[in-house]
Amino acid sequence: MLNEEQILEAYKIIGQNVAKVRKERKVSQLSLSLDMGYKSVSVVSFAEISLKGAHFNIAHLLQISTILNVPLIELLDGVQDIIDMSVAE
């Protein structure tokens, strides 16, 4: 079972992956936020760096995958390593 620290690390990795893909696609945080239906950049900016416990949920990731035209699995890259470490413990 994943502990709280591992879950937070997974959120951090996902946020970094979103930021990386977003920047590669030359999409601003504001543009992505607006395309996701938010009027503020804070949802994306906070979740990309896990600020104040913010993180992307599955609905966010599905939207981001569609908006940025990236496979969902790419946004989750590295998370399986955390799961594998948890199983090995």
N, C-alpha and C. Protein backbone atom coordinates (compact mmCIF):
# COMPACT_ATOMS: atom_id res chain seq x y z
N MET A 1 0.84 -1.18 0.00
CA MET A 1 0.00 0.00 0.00
C MET A 1 0.88 1.24 0.00
N LEU A 2 0.47 2.23 -0.75
CA LEU A 2 1.24 3.48 -0.81
C LEU A 2 1.01 4.29 0.45
N ASN A 3 2.09 4.86 0.97
CA ASN A 3 1.94 5.76 2.11
C ASN A 3 1.76 7.20 1.62
N GLU A 4 1.48 8.09 2.52
CA GLU A 4 1.19 9.49 2.16
C GLU A 4 2.37 10.13 1.42
N GLU A 5 3.57 9.85 1.86
CA GLU A 5 4.76 10.42 1.22
C GLU A 5 4.89 9.95 -0.23
N GLN A 6 4.61 8.69 -0.48
CA GLN A 6 4.68 8.16 -1.84
C GLN A 6 3.59 8.75 -2.73
N ILE A 7 2.43 8.94 -2.17
CA ILE A 7 1.34 9.55 -2.93
C ILE A 7 1.70 10.99 -3.30
N LEU A 8 2.25 11.72 -2.35
CA LEU A 8 2.67 13.10 -2.62
C LEU A 8 3.76 13.14 -3.68
N GLU A 9 4.67 12.18 -3.64
CA GLU A 9 5.72 12.10 -4.65
C GLU A 9 5.12 11.82 -6.03
N ALA A 10 4.11 10.97 -6.09
CA ALA A 10 3.43 10.69 -7.36
C ALA A 10 2.77 11.96 -7.90
N TYR A 11 2.11 12.72 -7.02
CA TYR A 11 1.50 13.99 -7.45
C TYR A 11 2.56 14.93 -8.01
N LYS A 12 3.71 14.98 -7.34
CA LYS A 12 4.79 15.86 -7.77
C LYS A 12 5.30 15.46 -9.16
N ILE A 13 5.50 14.17 -9.37
CA ILE A 13 5.97 13.67 -10.67
C ILE A 13 4.96 13.98 -11.77
N ILE A 14 3.69 13.76 -11.49
CA ILE A 14 2.65 14.06 -12.48
C ILE A 14 2.64 15.54 -12.82
N GLY A 15 2.75 16.39 -11.80
CA GLY A 15 2.80 17.84 -12.03
C GLY A 15 3.98 18.23 -12.91
N GLN A 16 5.13 17.63 -12.64
CA GLN A 16 6.33 17.90 -13.45
C GLN A 16 6.12 17.43 -14.89
N ASN A 17 5.49 16.28 -15.05
CA ASN A 17 5.22 15.77 -16.40
C ASN A 17 4.28 16.70 -17.16
N VAL A 18 3.25 17.18 -16.49
CA VAL A 18 2.31 18.11 -17.14
C VAL A 18 3.05 19.37 -17.56
N ALA A 19 3.86 19.92 -16.66
CA ALA A 19 4.60 21.15 -16.96
C ALA A 19 5.54 20.94 -18.16
N LYS A 20 6.22 19.81 -18.17
CA LYS A 20 7.16 19.51 -19.26
C LYS A 20 6.45 19.44 -20.60
N VAL A 21 5.36 18.70 -20.66
CA VAL A 21 4.62 18.57 -21.92
C VAL A 21 4.01 19.91 -22.32
N ARG A 22 3.46 20.61 -21.35
CA ARG A 22 2.85 21.92 -21.64
C ARG A 22 3.87 22.87 -22.26
N LYS A 23 5.07 22.89 -21.68
CA LYS A 23 6.12 23.78 -22.20
C LYS A 23 6.60 23.32 -23.58
N GLU A 24 6.72 22.01 -23.78
CA GLU A 24 7.10 21.49 -25.10
C GLU A 24 6.10 21.90 -26.17
N ARG A 25 4.83 21.96 -25.78
CA ARG A 25 3.77 22.33 -26.72
C ARG A 25 3.60 23.85 -26.81
N LYS A 26 4.41 24.59 -26.02
CA LYS A 26 4.37 26.06 -25.99
C LYS A 26 2.98 26.59 -25.61
N VAL A 27 2.41 25.95 -24.59
CA VAL A 27 1.10 26.34 -24.07
C VAL A 27 1.32 26.96 -22.69
N SER A 28 0.76 28.13 -22.47
CA SER A 28 0.92 28.78 -21.17
C SER A 28 0.01 28.13 -20.13
N GLN A 29 0.35 28.35 -18.87
CA GLN A 29 -0.50 27.86 -17.79
C GLN A 29 -1.89 28.47 -17.90
N LEU A 30 -1.95 29.75 -18.23
CA LEU A 30 -3.25 30.42 -18.35
C LEU A 30 -4.07 29.81 -19.48
N SER A 31 -3.45 29.60 -20.62
CA SER A 31 -4.17 29.01 -21.76
C SER A 31 -4.70 27.62 -21.42
N LEU A 32 -3.87 26.80 -20.78
CA LEU A 32 -4.31 25.46 -20.39
C LEU A 32 -5.46 25.55 -19.39
N SER A 33 -5.32 26.44 -18.41
CA SER A 33 -6.39 26.61 -17.41
C SER A 33 -7.70 27.01 -18.07
N LEU A 34 -7.64 27.97 -18.98
CA LEU A 34 -8.85 28.42 -19.67
C LEU A 34 -9.47 27.30 -20.50
N ASP A 35 -8.62 26.55 -21.19
CA ASP A 35 -9.12 25.43 -22.00
C ASP A 35 -9.76 24.35 -21.14
N MET A 36 -9.31 24.26 -19.87
CA MET A 36 -9.88 23.28 -18.94
C MET A 36 -11.17 23.80 -18.29
N GLY A 37 -11.50 25.08 -18.56
CA GLY A 37 -12.74 25.64 -18.03
C GLY A 37 -12.57 26.46 -16.77
N TYR A 38 -11.32 26.79 -16.42
CA TYR A 38 -11.06 27.62 -15.24
C TYR A 38 -10.78 29.04 -15.67
N LYS A 39 -11.10 29.99 -14.81
CA LYS A 39 -10.89 31.40 -15.13
C LYS A 39 -9.57 31.91 -14.57
N SER A 40 -8.87 31.07 -13.84
CA SER A 40 -7.64 31.46 -13.19
C SER A 40 -6.54 30.44 -13.50
N VAL A 41 -5.32 30.89 -13.46
CA VAL A 41 -4.17 30.04 -13.71
C VAL A 41 -3.82 29.18 -12.49
N SER A 42 -4.40 29.48 -11.35
CA SER A 42 -3.96 28.85 -10.09
C SER A 42 -4.12 27.33 -10.08
N VAL A 43 -5.15 26.78 -10.69
CA VAL A 43 -5.33 25.33 -10.68
C VAL A 43 -4.12 24.64 -11.31
N VAL A 44 -3.73 25.11 -12.48
CA VAL A 44 -2.60 24.50 -13.18
C VAL A 44 -1.29 24.85 -12.49
N SER A 45 -1.09 26.12 -12.16
CA SER A 45 0.20 26.52 -11.58
C SER A 45 0.44 25.84 -10.23
N PHE A 46 -0.57 25.76 -9.39
CA PHE A 46 -0.41 25.11 -8.09
C PHE A 46 -0.18 23.61 -8.24
N ALA A 47 -0.94 22.96 -9.11
CA ALA A 47 -0.82 21.51 -9.27
C ALA A 47 0.50 21.10 -9.91
N GLU A 48 1.03 21.94 -10.80
CA GLU A 48 2.30 21.60 -11.44
C GLU A 48 3.44 21.51 -10.42
N ILE A 49 3.35 22.27 -9.34
CA ILE A 49 4.42 22.25 -8.33
C ILE A 49 3.92 21.73 -6.99
N SER A 50 2.75 21.17 -6.97
CA SER A 50 2.15 20.61 -5.74
C SER A 50 2.10 21.63 -4.61
N LEU A 51 1.79 22.86 -4.94
CA LEU A 51 1.73 23.94 -3.95
C LEU A 51 0.46 23.81 -3.12
N LYS A 52 0.62 23.93 -1.82
CA LYS A 52 -0.51 23.88 -0.88
C LYS A 52 -1.34 22.60 -1.04
N GLY A 53 -0.67 21.50 -1.37
CA GLY A 53 -1.36 20.22 -1.50
C GLY A 53 -2.15 20.05 -2.78
N ALA A 54 -2.06 21.02 -3.69
CA ALA A 54 -2.80 20.93 -4.96
C ALA A 54 -2.23 19.83 -5.83
N HIS A 55 -3.10 19.15 -6.55
CA HIS A 55 -2.67 18.13 -7.49
C HIS A 55 -3.75 17.94 -8.55
N PHE A 56 -3.34 17.34 -9.66
CA PHE A 56 -4.28 17.04 -10.73
C PHE A 56 -5.05 15.77 -10.39
N ASN A 57 -6.36 15.80 -10.61
CA ASN A 57 -7.15 14.58 -10.44
C ASN A 57 -7.32 13.91 -11.81
N ILE A 58 -7.98 12.79 -11.84
CA ILE A 58 -8.09 12.05 -13.10
C ILE A 58 -8.86 12.84 -14.16
N ALA A 59 -9.86 13.60 -13.76
CA ALA A 59 -10.60 14.43 -14.73
C ALA A 59 -9.68 15.48 -15.33
N HIS A 60 -8.85 16.10 -14.49
CA HIS A 60 -7.88 17.08 -15.01
C HIS A 60 -6.95 16.41 -16.02
N LEU A 61 -6.42 15.24 -15.66
CA LEU A 61 -5.46 14.57 -16.53
C LEU A 61 -6.09 14.16 -17.86
N LEU A 62 -7.34 13.74 -17.83
CA LEU A 62 -8.03 13.40 -19.08
C LEU A 62 -8.18 14.65 -19.96
N GLN A 63 -8.53 15.77 -19.34
CA GLN A 63 -8.65 17.02 -20.09
C GLN A 63 -7.31 17.45 -20.66
N ILE A 64 -6.28 17.41 -19.83
CA ILE A 64 -4.95 17.84 -20.25
C ILE A 64 -4.44 16.95 -21.38
N SER A 65 -4.65 15.67 -21.26
CA SER A 65 -4.25 14.74 -22.31
C SER A 65 -4.89 15.11 -23.64
N THR A 66 -6.16 15.45 -23.60
CA THR A 66 -6.88 15.83 -24.81
C THR A 66 -6.41 17.19 -25.34
N ILE A 67 -6.32 18.17 -24.45
CA ILE A 67 -5.95 19.53 -24.85
C ILE A 67 -4.54 19.57 -25.44
N LEU A 68 -3.60 18.88 -24.78
CA LEU A 68 -2.21 18.91 -25.24
C LEU A 68 -1.90 17.82 -26.26
N ASN A 69 -2.91 16.99 -26.56
CA ASN A 69 -2.74 15.91 -27.53
C ASN A 69 -1.55 15.03 -27.16
N VAL A 70 -1.59 14.52 -25.94
CA VAL A 70 -0.53 13.66 -25.43
C VAL A 70 -1.17 12.42 -24.80
N PRO A 71 -0.58 11.26 -24.97
CA PRO A 71 -1.15 10.07 -24.34
C PRO A 71 -1.17 10.23 -22.81
N LEU A 72 -2.23 9.82 -22.20
CA LEU A 72 -2.38 9.91 -20.75
C LEU A 72 -1.20 9.25 -20.04
N ILE A 73 -0.73 8.15 -20.55
CA ILE A 73 0.37 7.42 -19.92
C ILE A 73 1.63 8.27 -19.82
N GLU A 74 1.81 9.19 -20.75
CA GLU A 74 2.98 10.08 -20.71
C GLU A 74 2.92 11.01 -19.51
N LEU A 75 1.71 11.43 -19.14
CA LEU A 75 1.55 12.29 -17.97
C LEU A 75 1.80 11.53 -16.68
N LEU A 76 1.68 10.21 -16.73
CA LEU A 76 1.88 9.37 -15.55
C LEU A 76 3.27 8.75 -15.50
N ASP A 77 4.13 9.12 -16.44
CA ASP A 77 5.46 8.54 -16.52
C ASP A 77 6.21 8.69 -15.19
N GLY A 78 6.73 7.60 -14.68
CA GLY A 78 7.48 7.61 -13.44
C GLY A 78 6.68 7.20 -12.22
N VAL A 79 5.38 7.23 -12.32
CA VAL A 79 4.52 6.89 -11.18
C VAL A 79 4.59 5.38 -10.89
N GLN A 80 4.71 4.58 -11.92
CA GLN A 80 4.79 3.13 -11.72
C GLN A 80 6.01 2.77 -10.87
N ASP A 81 7.08 3.53 -10.98
CA ASP A 81 8.28 3.28 -10.17
C ASP A 81 7.96 3.41 -8.68
N ILE A 82 7.13 4.39 -8.33
CA ILE A 82 6.74 4.58 -6.93
C ILE A 82 5.90 3.39 -6.46
N ILE A 83 5.00 2.95 -7.32
CA ILE A 83 4.16 1.80 -6.98
C ILE A 83 5.03 0.55 -6.80
N ASP A 84 5.96 0.35 -7.71
CA ASP A 84 6.83 -0.82 -7.64
C ASP A 84 7.67 -0.82 -6.36
N MET A 85 8.17 0.36 -5.97
CA MET A 85 8.95 0.46 -4.73
C MET A 85 8.09 0.13 -3.52
N SER A 86 6.84 0.55 -3.57
CA SER A 86 5.91 0.29 -2.46
C SER A 86 5.65 -1.19 -2.31
N VAL A 87 5.51 -1.90 -3.42
CA VAL A 87 5.26 -3.34 -3.40
C VAL A 87 6.49 -4.08 -2.87
N ALA A 88 7.67 -3.59 -3.21
CA ALA A 88 8.91 -4.23 -2.80
C ALA A 88 9.19 -4.08 -1.30
N GLU A 89 8.57 -3.11 -0.68
CA GLU A 89 8.84 -2.85 0.75
C GLU A 89 8.21 -3.87 1.65
